[in-house]
């Protein structure tokens, strides 16, 4: 399977995930609006997600996938399967202990993430209640990450990429059917969303088991102290744990930044956490479809190239990934800056979601849009270090960027409020990506292929034309207001997006850019 085909498979399935995610957010916005209770749910959901990033897509995946790819390349199937069983055993026991502690410590976790909720006892109590119900979600998702790491290493990208759709469908059902039923029963309707999260986590894990079993890769989790001790003494587990330590610090730094931002937003007044959250969800479209898809595909391939001692293939894959980032992230960034109000209005401006909410989310989205290229590029550049089993360099960079981000918050939040939080993250991401790129070039892991100057000018020229079109479309039509027909607005949005794609890619073709070079890699 070519890199482009693999990345396209992940990207298309990720698109399905993000589309269903938008439907979920649309239903939530129309049903609940943006208020203290939605802030409570978003904080409660963010807590298990924070730990999920530590145990799942974050430190664990960064350490496990390179080790697994190297074992598959060098040690053979028997040793690799033993590594999978041992890692699964240790992970399962760690998760069990973490979930028990997390449920018990829910009040402290809510205080750590959103102490501003103490101003509203109802919000605080609701956040604690939902945190306790949703915390076991990290157990499901961490085992999902283990399964995904195995399947991606064996180049089975489809199932791991499509599983988030199941979470969204469960939450859509909770908002559509569960919330009205809870209300009729005299239960706070937002609690239905917590139930939807737990059902979605279970479904995501359940759907991966048959695929692993068919491949003969279903992990066997050991029960009992002797089996746990045996698994812990496995050299492969010790290696993964050793690689996880610095990776955990790096991911922890990113999560500390998120915690600080949520903490600050919780003191800015009701709705601020929700506005930032909706803007962040929209940012997941380009960051997941481009950055995450490329990272998922490149990580095992880069690790394989490193294990095979093939530096040319290693550098060529990084170059291909970075060109694709520039090709698609630059115009997406311009769209978020110039076309944010139409996007937010079309997606969320229904029911309890007011015009003022549209404006506030649009401001946050513009702040995130400034750093989109950096946010996506990190997903390509960081695996360049992880595949070489160098976890320390990205961690050092992340720590410095955390300090810079918080200094920017001090300067920007009093002036721009929640938009300043988004803008600080964007600037930090641009610094992070630039630093990672310089590090890869300095150590000789990445050597840019010829033609970058011409390629960059072609992308910038096409993006300038696109920007003019989007700027015109943003002001030429009425996107907000009670009198705007939702179907008219949706049709207009579809036409604008189709026109944008035509303008951008035709402009690239006129300048002589051959898109086929990205497909044949």
Protein backbone atom coordinates (compact mmCIF):
# COMPACT_ATOMS: atom_id res chain seq x y z
CA UNK A 1 0.00 0.00 0.00
CA UNK A 2 1.45 3.42 -1.00
CA UNK A 3 1.86 6.12 1.64
CA UNK A 4 -0.74 8.26 -0.10
CA UNK A 5 -3.29 5.45 -0.29
CA UNK A 6 -2.73 4.56 3.36
CA UNK A 7 -2.96 8.21 4.45
CA UNK A 8 -6.04 8.71 2.28
CA UNK A 9 -7.75 5.69 3.86
CA UNK A 10 -7.10 7.04 7.35
CA UNK A 11 -8.05 10.57 6.29
CA UNK A 12 -11.37 9.56 4.70
CA UNK A 13 -12.36 7.48 7.70
CA UNK A 14 -11.24 10.29 9.99
CA UNK A 15 -13.48 12.60 7.95
CA UNK A 16 -16.40 10.28 8.71
CA UNK A 17 -15.46 10.51 12.37
CA UNK A 18 -15.31 14.30 12.28
CA UNK A 19 -18.57 14.63 10.34
CA UNK A 20 -20.40 12.51 12.89
CA UNK A 21 -18.59 14.52 15.57
CA UNK A 22 -19.99 17.71 14.09
CA UNK A 23 -23.48 16.23 14.05
CA UNK A 24 -22.95 15.38 17.73
CA UNK A 25 -21.79 18.92 18.52
CA UNK A 26 -24.63 20.43 16.49
CA UNK A 27 -27.18 18.42 18.45
CA UNK A 28 -25.53 19.36 21.74
CA UNK A 29 -25.40 23.05 20.81
CA UNK A 30 -29.05 23.09 19.75
CA UNK A 31 -30.18 21.05 22.76
CA UNK A 32 -28.09 22.55 25.56
CA UNK A 33 -26.64 25.83 24.17
CA UNK A 34 -23.54 27.24 25.89
CA UNK A 35 -23.96 27.58 29.65
CA UNK A 36 -22.71 26.44 33.04
CA UNK A 37 -23.94 22.85 32.62
CA UNK A 38 -22.31 22.41 29.21
CA UNK A 39 -19.13 23.81 30.73
CA UNK A 40 -19.43 21.15 33.46
CA UNK A 41 -19.81 18.35 30.89
CA UNK A 42 -16.91 19.60 28.79
CA UNK A 43 -14.63 19.73 31.84
CA UNK A 44 -15.78 16.30 33.03
CA UNK A 45 -15.21 14.82 29.56
CA UNK A 46 -11.84 16.54 29.30
CA UNK A 47 -10.53 14.84 32.46
CA UNK A 48 -10.65 11.23 31.15
CA UNK A 49 -9.54 12.52 27.76
CA UNK A 50 -6.51 14.08 29.43
CA UNK A 51 -5.53 10.72 30.93
CA UNK A 52 -6.43 9.00 27.67
CA UNK A 53 -3.80 11.08 25.91
CA UNK A 54 -1.27 9.93 28.48
CA UNK A 55 -2.12 6.21 28.30
CA UNK A 56 -3.47 6.03 24.75
CA UNK A 57 -2.57 8.25 21.77
CA UNK A 58 0.16 10.01 23.74
CA UNK A 59 3.10 8.50 25.58
CA UNK A 60 2.02 4.88 25.24
CA UNK A 61 1.59 4.94 21.46
CA UNK A 62 4.77 6.96 20.97
CA UNK A 63 6.74 4.31 22.85
CA UNK A 64 4.84 1.14 21.87
CA UNK A 65 4.56 1.54 18.09
CA UNK A 66 8.32 2.07 17.38
CA UNK A 67 9.21 -0.82 19.71
CA UNK A 68 6.61 -3.07 18.10
CA UNK A 69 7.69 -2.12 14.56
CA UNK A 70 11.33 -2.83 15.41
CA UNK A 71 10.45 -6.18 16.97
CA UNK A 72 8.38 -7.13 13.92
CA UNK A 73 11.24 -6.13 11.60
CA UNK A 74 14.10 -7.72 13.56
CA UNK A 75 12.91 -10.32 16.09
CA UNK A 76 10.21 -12.25 14.25
CA UNK A 77 6.58 -13.14 14.95
CA UNK A 78 6.97 -15.27 18.10
CA UNK A 79 8.93 -12.65 20.06
CA UNK A 80 6.62 -9.90 18.80
CA UNK A 81 3.48 -11.73 19.93
CA UNK A 82 5.03 -12.29 23.34
CA UNK A 83 5.76 -8.55 23.52
CA UNK A 84 2.11 -7.77 22.71
CA UNK A 85 0.84 -10.09 25.47
CA UNK A 86 3.24 -8.72 28.07
CA UNK A 87 2.53 -5.07 27.26
CA UNK A 88 -1.23 -5.72 27.31
CA UNK A 89 -0.99 -7.37 30.73
CA UNK A 90 0.95 -4.53 32.34
CA UNK A 91 -1.23 -1.87 30.69
CA UNK A 92 -4.47 -3.52 31.84
CA UNK A 93 -3.39 -3.62 35.49
CA UNK A 94 -2.13 -0.03 35.42
CA UNK A 95 -5.44 1.09 33.92
CA UNK A 96 -7.47 -0.74 36.57
CA UNK A 97 -5.56 1.01 39.36
CA UNK A 98 -5.80 4.39 37.59
CA UNK A 99 -9.57 4.12 37.13
CA UNK A 100 -10.16 3.27 40.80
CA UNK A 101 -8.05 6.22 41.95
CA UNK A 102 -9.62 8.56 39.37
CA UNK A 103 -13.19 7.82 40.45
CA UNK A 104 -12.28 8.39 44.09
CA UNK A 105 -10.35 11.60 43.37
CA UNK A 106 -12.92 13.18 41.02
CA UNK A 107 -13.49 16.33 43.18
CA UNK A 108 -9.78 17.05 43.28
CA UNK A 109 -9.45 16.52 39.53
CA UNK A 110 -12.28 18.96 38.80
CA UNK A 111 -10.70 21.53 41.09
CA UNK A 112 -7.34 21.05 39.36
CA UNK A 113 -8.88 21.62 35.94
CA UNK A 114 -11.59 24.23 36.64
CA UNK A 115 -11.43 25.76 40.10
CA UNK A 116 -13.61 28.59 38.77
CA UNK A 117 -16.55 26.19 39.12
CA UNK A 118 -16.45 26.79 42.88
CA UNK A 119 -18.28 30.02 42.07
CA UNK A 120 -21.22 27.84 41.00
CA UNK A 121 -21.82 24.82 43.31
CA UNK A 122 -24.25 23.31 40.80
CA UNK A 123 -21.61 23.28 38.04
CA UNK A 124 -18.98 21.83 40.38
CA UNK A 125 -21.22 19.03 41.62
CA UNK A 126 -22.35 18.17 38.09
CA UNK A 127 -18.75 18.07 36.84
CA UNK A 128 -17.71 15.76 39.73
CA UNK A 129 -20.69 13.44 39.13
CA UNK A 130 -20.01 13.14 35.39
CA UNK A 131 -16.26 12.73 35.93
CA UNK A 132 -16.90 9.70 38.13
CA UNK A 133 -19.18 8.13 35.55
CA UNK A 134 -16.88 8.82 32.61
CA UNK A 135 -13.46 8.16 34.14
CA UNK A 136 -13.48 4.41 33.25
CA UNK A 137 -13.67 5.59 29.63
CA UNK A 138 -9.87 5.83 29.69
CA UNK A 139 -9.68 2.08 30.29
CA UNK A 140 -11.58 1.36 27.08
CA UNK A 141 -9.67 3.94 25.07
CA UNK A 142 -6.22 2.88 26.24
CA UNK A 143 -6.91 -0.70 25.19
CA UNK A 144 -8.24 0.70 21.91
CA UNK A 145 -4.88 2.48 21.47
CA UNK A 146 -3.04 -0.79 22.11
CA UNK A 147 -5.17 -2.53 19.47
CA UNK A 148 -4.73 0.36 17.02
CA UNK A 149 -0.95 0.31 17.45
CA UNK A 150 -0.90 -3.40 16.58
CA UNK A 151 -3.21 -3.04 13.57
CA UNK A 152 -1.40 0.02 12.18
CA UNK A 153 1.95 -1.77 12.44
CA UNK A 154 0.46 -4.60 10.38
CA UNK A 155 -0.83 -1.92 7.94
CA UNK A 156 -4.48 -2.49 8.83
CA UNK A 157 -5.45 1.17 9.08
CA UNK A 158 -9.19 1.10 8.40
CA UNK A 159 -10.66 -0.27 11.65
CA UNK A 160 -8.65 1.95 14.05
CA UNK A 161 -9.51 5.02 11.95
CA UNK A 162 -13.25 4.34 11.88
CA UNK A 163 -13.78 3.46 15.56
CA UNK A 164 -14.26 7.10 16.73
CA UNK A 165 -17.46 7.12 14.64
CA UNK A 166 -18.94 4.71 17.18
CA UNK A 167 -18.33 7.14 20.05
CA UNK A 168 -19.99 9.94 18.09
CA UNK A 169 -22.99 7.77 17.22
CA UNK A 170 -23.41 6.83 20.88
CA UNK A 171 -23.27 10.50 21.92
CA UNK A 172 -25.65 11.52 19.12
CA UNK A 173 -28.14 8.95 20.40
CA UNK A 174 -27.64 10.27 23.93
CA UNK A 175 -28.35 13.89 22.86
CA UNK A 176 -31.24 12.99 20.55
CA UNK A 177 -33.06 10.36 22.61
CA UNK A 178 -31.34 10.15 25.98
CA UNK A 179 -31.52 13.80 27.02
CA UNK A 180 -35.33 14.15 26.47
CA UNK A 181 -35.90 10.86 28.31
CA UNK A 182 -33.71 11.97 31.23
CA UNK A 183 -35.68 15.24 31.37
CA UNK A 184 -39.00 13.38 31.52
CA UNK A 185 -37.60 11.25 34.35
CA UNK A 186 -36.61 14.37 36.30
CA UNK A 187 -32.86 13.79 35.77
CA UNK A 188 -30.51 16.54 34.57
CA UNK A 189 -30.51 16.05 30.74
CA UNK A 190 -26.77 16.68 30.31
CA UNK A 191 -26.09 13.48 32.28
CA UNK A 192 -27.28 11.51 29.24
CA UNK A 193 -24.09 12.59 27.48
CA UNK A 194 -21.96 10.88 30.14
CA UNK A 195 -23.83 7.63 29.51
CA UNK A 196 -23.25 8.05 25.76
CA UNK A 197 -19.50 8.43 26.31
CA UNK A 198 -19.27 5.16 28.23
CA UNK A 199 -21.30 3.22 25.66
CA UNK A 200 -19.14 4.68 22.88
CA UNK A 201 -15.91 3.65 24.63
CA UNK A 202 -17.13 0.06 24.99
CA UNK A 203 -18.16 -0.14 21.32
CA UNK A 204 -14.78 1.18 20.10
CA UNK A 205 -12.96 -1.60 21.92
CA UNK A 206 -15.45 -4.33 20.99
CA UNK A 207 -15.18 -3.70 17.23
CA UNK A 208 -11.39 -4.21 17.19
CA UNK A 209 -11.39 -7.60 18.92
CA UNK A 210 -12.61 -9.69 15.92
CA UNK A 211 -9.99 -8.12 13.62
CA UNK A 212 -7.15 -8.84 16.04
CA UNK A 213 -8.42 -12.38 16.55
CA UNK A 214 -8.56 -13.01 12.80
CA UNK A 215 -4.92 -11.90 12.48
CA UNK A 216 -3.87 -14.04 15.43
CA UNK A 217 -2.79 -10.91 17.32
CA UNK A 218 -5.44 -10.68 20.05
CA UNK A 219 -3.54 -9.85 23.26
CA UNK A 220 -3.74 -12.36 26.09
CA UNK A 221 -3.98 -10.42 29.35
CA UNK A 222 -2.50 -12.29 32.29
CA UNK A 223 -4.46 -12.58 35.53
CA UNK A 224 -2.65 -12.91 38.83
CA UNK A 225 0.46 -11.50 40.47
CA UNK A 226 2.85 -14.09 38.98
CA UNK A 227 1.71 -13.34 35.43
CA UNK A 228 2.00 -9.59 36.03
CA UNK A 229 5.52 -10.02 37.43
CA UNK A 230 6.51 -12.18 34.45
CA UNK A 231 5.15 -9.58 32.03
CA UNK A 232 6.97 -6.75 33.79
CA UNK A 233 10.32 -8.57 33.54
CA UNK A 234 9.96 -8.95 29.75
CA UNK A 235 12.82 -6.95 28.12
CA UNK A 236 10.42 -5.53 25.54
CA UNK A 237 8.10 -4.20 28.25
CA UNK A 238 11.02 -2.63 30.07
CA UNK A 239 12.08 -1.01 26.81
CA UNK A 240 8.59 0.40 26.18
CA UNK A 241 8.41 1.63 29.78
CA UNK A 242 11.82 3.26 29.47
CA UNK A 243 10.74 5.04 26.29
CA UNK A 244 7.43 6.01 27.89
CA UNK A 245 9.04 7.91 30.75
CA UNK A 246 10.31 10.87 28.68
CA UNK A 247 7.31 10.61 26.33
CA UNK A 248 5.00 10.80 29.34
CA UNK A 249 6.73 13.98 30.41
CA UNK A 250 6.33 15.42 26.91
CA UNK A 251 2.64 14.56 26.68
CA UNK A 252 2.20 15.70 30.27
CA UNK A 253 3.60 19.09 29.34
CA UNK A 254 0.99 19.45 26.60
CA UNK A 255 -1.77 18.39 28.97
CA UNK A 256 -0.56 20.82 31.63
CA UNK A 257 -0.93 23.57 29.04
CA UNK A 258 -4.48 22.39 28.31
CA UNK A 259 -5.28 22.26 32.03
CA UNK A 260 -4.00 25.78 32.57
CA UNK A 261 -6.04 27.08 29.65
CA UNK A 262 -9.20 25.37 30.90
CA UNK A 263 -8.53 26.73 34.36
CA UNK A 264 -8.20 30.27 33.01
CA UNK A 265 -11.31 29.90 30.82
CA UNK A 266 -13.35 28.70 33.80
CA UNK A 267 -12.69 32.08 35.49
CA UNK A 268 -13.68 34.13 32.43
CA UNK A 269 -17.40 33.47 32.93
CA UNK A 270 -20.09 31.00 31.76
CA UNK A 271 -19.75 29.85 28.17
CA UNK A 272 -16.01 30.44 27.75
CA UNK A 273 -15.05 26.77 28.22
CA UNK A 274 -17.73 25.74 25.73
CA UNK A 275 -16.73 28.36 23.14
CA UNK A 276 -13.13 27.17 23.26
CA UNK A 277 -14.26 23.56 23.11
CA UNK A 278 -16.38 24.05 19.98
CA UNK A 279 -13.54 25.92 18.27
CA UNK A 280 -11.18 23.12 19.25
CA UNK A 281 -13.55 20.52 17.82
CA UNK A 282 -13.55 22.31 14.46
CA UNK A 283 -9.76 22.46 14.57
CA UNK A 284 -9.80 18.67 14.84
CA UNK A 285 -11.01 18.51 11.23
CA UNK A 286 -7.75 19.63 9.60
CA UNK A 287 -5.44 18.48 12.42
CA UNK A 288 -6.91 14.96 12.45
CA UNK A 289 -7.48 14.55 8.71
CA UNK A 290 -3.98 15.80 7.90
CA UNK A 291 -1.75 15.58 10.97
CA UNK A 292 -3.11 12.54 12.76
CA UNK A 293 -3.60 10.59 9.51
CA UNK A 294 -0.02 11.29 8.43
CA UNK A 295 1.35 10.52 11.90
CA UNK A 296 -0.51 7.20 12.07
CA UNK A 297 0.80 6.12 8.67
CA UNK A 298 4.34 7.48 8.98
CA UNK A 299 5.21 6.29 12.51
CA UNK A 300 5.50 2.52 11.81
CA UNK A 301 7.01 3.17 8.36
CA UNK A 302 9.66 5.50 9.76
CA UNK A 303 10.42 3.02 12.54
CA UNK A 304 10.77 0.26 9.94
CA UNK A 305 13.12 2.38 7.83
CA UNK A 306 15.22 3.14 10.91
CA UNK A 307 15.39 -0.53 11.90
CA UNK A 308 16.41 -1.41 8.32
CA UNK A 309 19.09 1.36 8.40
CA UNK A 310 17.67 3.13 5.33
CA UNK A 311 18.23 6.89 5.94
CA UNK A 312 17.25 7.89 2.40
CA UNK A 313 13.79 6.31 2.69
CA UNK A 314 13.47 7.85 6.18
CA UNK A 315 14.20 11.36 4.90
CA UNK A 316 12.05 10.94 1.79
CA UNK A 317 9.00 9.96 3.85
CA UNK A 318 9.43 13.01 6.10
CA UNK A 319 9.78 15.25 3.04
CA UNK A 320 6.61 13.82 1.49
CA UNK A 321 4.69 14.34 4.74
CA UNK A 322 5.85 17.94 5.15
CA UNK A 323 4.95 18.84 1.57
CA UNK A 324 1.48 17.42 2.09
CA UNK A 325 1.17 19.50 5.27
CA UNK A 326 2.03 22.70 3.40
CA UNK A 327 -0.20 21.80 0.45
CA UNK A 328 -3.32 21.30 2.58
CA UNK A 329 -2.78 23.09 5.91
CA UNK A 330 -1.90 26.53 4.48
CA UNK A 331 -5.23 27.00 2.62
CA UNK A 332 -7.11 25.50 5.58
CA UNK A 333 -5.50 28.07 7.88
CA UNK A 334 -6.60 30.91 5.62
CA UNK A 335 -10.14 29.49 5.57
CA UNK A 336 -10.29 29.47 9.38
CA UNK A 337 -9.10 33.08 9.51
CA UNK A 338 -11.34 34.53 6.79
CA UNK A 339 -14.38 32.26 6.75
CA UNK A 340 -14.88 31.39 10.42
CA UNK A 341 -18.27 33.05 11.00
CA UNK A 342 -19.97 31.27 8.05
CA UNK A 343 -18.51 27.95 9.21
CA UNK A 344 -19.69 28.34 12.80
CA UNK A 345 -23.10 29.73 11.82
CA UNK A 346 -23.81 26.91 9.37
CA UNK A 347 -22.82 24.21 11.83
CA UNK A 348 -24.04 25.49 15.20
CA UNK A 349 -26.43 28.44 14.85
CA UNK A 350 -29.62 26.57 15.77
CA UNK A 351 -31.90 26.31 18.77
CA UNK A 352 -30.26 27.57 21.98
CA UNK A 353 -27.01 28.57 20.23
CA UNK A 354 -27.22 32.36 19.81
CA UNK A 355 -25.56 34.82 17.39
CA UNK A 356 -23.32 36.00 20.23
CA UNK A 357 -22.14 32.41 20.70
CA UNK A 358 -21.32 32.20 16.98
CA UNK A 359 -19.16 35.32 17.23
CA UNK A 360 -17.28 34.10 20.29
CA UNK A 361 -16.53 30.66 18.83
CA UNK A 362 -15.44 32.31 15.56
CA UNK A 363 -12.92 34.48 17.43
CA UNK A 364 -11.43 31.41 19.13
CA UNK A 365 -11.32 29.54 15.81
CA UNK A 366 -9.42 32.41 14.19
CA UNK A 367 -6.92 32.25 17.06
CA UNK A 368 -6.39 28.54 16.47
CA UNK A 369 -6.18 29.08 12.70
CA UNK A 370 -3.03 31.19 13.07
CA UNK A 371 -1.08 28.13 14.17
CA UNK A 372 -2.76 25.40 12.12
CA UNK A 373 0.32 24.69 10.00
CA UNK A 374 2.39 24.26 13.16
CA UNK A 375 -0.21 22.06 14.86
CA UNK A 376 -0.35 19.75 11.84
CA UNK A 377 3.40 19.76 11.15
CA UNK A 378 4.15 18.58 14.70
CA UNK A 379 2.22 15.37 13.92
CA UNK A 380 4.72 14.67 11.12
CA UNK A 381 7.91 16.00 12.71
CA UNK A 382 7.58 14.45 16.18
CA UNK A 383 7.34 10.87 14.79
CA UNK A 384 10.68 11.62 13.11
CA UNK A 385 12.17 11.60 16.63
CA UNK A 386 9.96 8.87 18.11
CA UNK A 387 10.77 6.44 15.29
CA UNK A 388 14.45 6.88 16.20
CA UNK A 389 13.44 6.14 19.82
CA UNK A 390 14.46 9.67 20.80
CA UNK A 391 11.78 10.85 23.18
CA UNK A 392 13.88 13.40 25.04
CA UNK A 393 14.38 16.06 22.36
CA UNK A 394 10.64 16.67 21.74
CA UNK A 395 10.14 16.78 25.53
CA UNK A 396 12.75 19.47 26.04
CA UNK A 397 11.19 21.51 23.26
CA UNK A 398 7.68 21.01 24.68
CA UNK A 399 8.76 22.24 28.13
CA UNK A 400 10.19 25.45 26.72
CA UNK A 401 7.10 25.95 24.53
CA UNK A 402 4.86 25.47 27.60
CA UNK A 403 6.65 28.33 29.36
CA UNK A 404 6.40 30.52 26.25
CA UNK A 405 2.68 29.72 25.88
CA UNK A 406 1.90 30.73 29.44
CA UNK A 407 3.88 33.96 29.10
CA UNK A 408 1.80 34.69 26.01
CA UNK A 409 -1.36 33.98 28.04
CA UNK A 410 -0.29 36.59 30.58
CA UNK A 411 0.07 39.13 27.77
CA UNK A 412 -2.92 38.17 25.59
CA UNK A 413 -5.76 36.93 27.84
CA UNK A 414 -6.42 40.28 29.61
CA UNK A 415 -6.72 41.84 26.15
CA UNK A 416 -8.34 39.09 24.05
CA UNK A 417 -9.90 36.85 26.77
CA UNK A 418 -10.64 33.29 25.46
CA UNK A 419 -9.30 34.19 22.00
CA UNK A 420 -5.95 34.93 23.63
CA UNK A 421 -5.83 31.35 24.95
CA UNK A 422 -6.29 29.95 21.43
CA UNK A 423 -3.76 32.37 19.94
CA UNK A 424 -1.14 31.47 22.56
CA UNK A 425 -1.48 27.78 21.67
CA UNK A 426 -1.09 28.62 17.97
CA UNK A 427 2.08 30.65 18.44
CA UNK A 428 3.49 27.92 20.68
CA UNK A 429 2.75 25.29 18.03
CA UNK A 430 4.57 27.29 15.34
CA UNK A 431 7.62 27.59 17.62
CA UNK A 432 7.46 23.88 18.44
CA UNK A 433 7.24 22.78 14.79
CA UNK A 434 10.08 25.09 13.70
CA UNK A 435 12.30 23.77 16.49
CA UNK A 436 11.54 20.12 15.64
CA UNK A 437 12.29 20.74 11.97
CA UNK A 438 15.60 22.40 12.79
CA UNK A 439 16.52 19.48 15.04
CA UNK A 440 15.84 16.85 12.37
CA UNK A 441 17.86 18.79 9.82
CA UNK A 442 20.75 19.38 12.21
CA UNK A 443 21.14 15.67 13.05
CA UNK A 444 20.95 14.74 9.37
CA UNK A 445 17.74 12.72 9.71
CA UNK A 446 15.95 14.98 7.24
CA UNK A 447 17.36 16.56 4.11
CA UNK A 448 14.80 18.61 2.12
CA UNK A 449 14.38 17.40 -1.45
CA UNK A 450 14.97 19.90 -4.28
CA UNK A 451 12.14 22.23 -5.35
CA UNK A 452 10.86 23.52 -2.02
CA UNK A 453 11.08 27.21 -2.97
CA UNK A 454 9.06 26.78 -6.16
CA UNK A 455 6.56 24.53 -4.39
CA UNK A 456 6.04 27.06 -1.57
CA UNK A 457 5.47 29.93 -4.01
CA UNK A 458 2.92 27.85 -5.93
CA UNK A 459 0.99 27.08 -2.73
CA UNK A 460 1.08 30.70 -1.55
CA UNK A 461 -0.12 32.02 -4.91
CA UNK A 462 -3.05 29.59 -5.04
CA UNK A 463 -3.88 30.34 -1.39
CA UNK A 464 -3.97 34.09 -2.09
CA UNK A 465 -6.65 33.55 -4.77
CA UNK A 466 -8.56 31.31 -2.39
CA UNK A 467 -8.36 33.96 0.34
CA UNK A 468 -9.90 36.63 -1.89
CA UNK A 469 -12.78 34.30 -2.74
CA UNK A 470 -13.44 33.40 0.92
CA UNK A 471 -13.22 37.02 2.06
CA UNK A 472 -15.81 37.95 -0.55
CA UNK A 473 -18.10 35.06 0.39
CA UNK A 474 -17.93 35.86 4.09
CA UNK A 475 -19.28 39.39 3.59
CA UNK A 476 -21.50 38.95 0.53
CA UNK A 477 -24.15 36.78 2.19
CA UNK A 478 -26.14 36.80 5.45
CA UNK A 479 -24.86 33.91 7.56
CA UNK A 480 -26.35 34.74 10.96
CA UNK A 481 -29.72 35.92 12.22
CA UNK A 482 -33.09 34.38 12.95
CA UNK A 483 -34.41 34.94 9.43
CA UNK A 484 -31.70 32.93 7.64
CA UNK A 485 -33.04 29.65 6.27
CA UNK A 486 -30.87 26.78 7.49
CA UNK A 487 -31.10 24.82 4.21
CA UNK A 488 -30.23 27.90 2.17
CA UNK A 489 -27.22 28.46 4.42
CA UNK A 490 -26.13 24.81 4.16
CA UNK A 491 -26.43 24.85 0.36
CA UNK A 492 -24.51 28.11 0.16
CA UNK A 493 -21.77 26.66 2.36
CA UNK A 494 -21.51 23.58 0.13
CA UNK A 495 -21.21 25.80 -2.94
CA UNK A 496 -18.53 27.95 -1.30
CA UNK A 497 -16.48 24.93 -0.27
CA UNK A 498 -16.76 23.37 -3.71
CA UNK A 499 -15.78 26.66 -5.33
CA UNK A 500 -12.83 26.99 -2.94
CA UNK A 501 -11.51 23.56 -3.88
CA UNK A 502 -11.82 24.30 -7.59
CA UNK A 503 -10.10 27.68 -7.31
CA UNK A 504 -7.22 26.33 -5.21
CA UNK A 505 -6.40 23.20 -7.17
CA UNK A 506 -6.91 24.79 -10.59
CA UNK A 507 -4.55 27.60 -9.52
CA UNK A 508 -1.96 24.99 -8.50
CA UNK A 509 -2.38 23.23 -11.84
CA UNK A 510 -1.92 26.50 -13.76
CA UNK A 511 1.35 27.14 -11.92
CA UNK A 512 2.63 23.71 -12.97
CA UNK A 513 2.33 21.81 -9.67
CA UNK A 514 1.95 18.08 -10.34
CA UNK A 515 -0.31 16.61 -7.67
CA UNK A 516 0.48 13.11 -8.93
CA UNK A 517 3.84 13.23 -7.16
CA UNK A 518 2.01 13.01 -3.82
CA UNK A 519 -0.06 10.03 -4.95
CA UNK A 520 2.77 7.90 -6.30
CA UNK A 521 4.94 8.13 -3.15
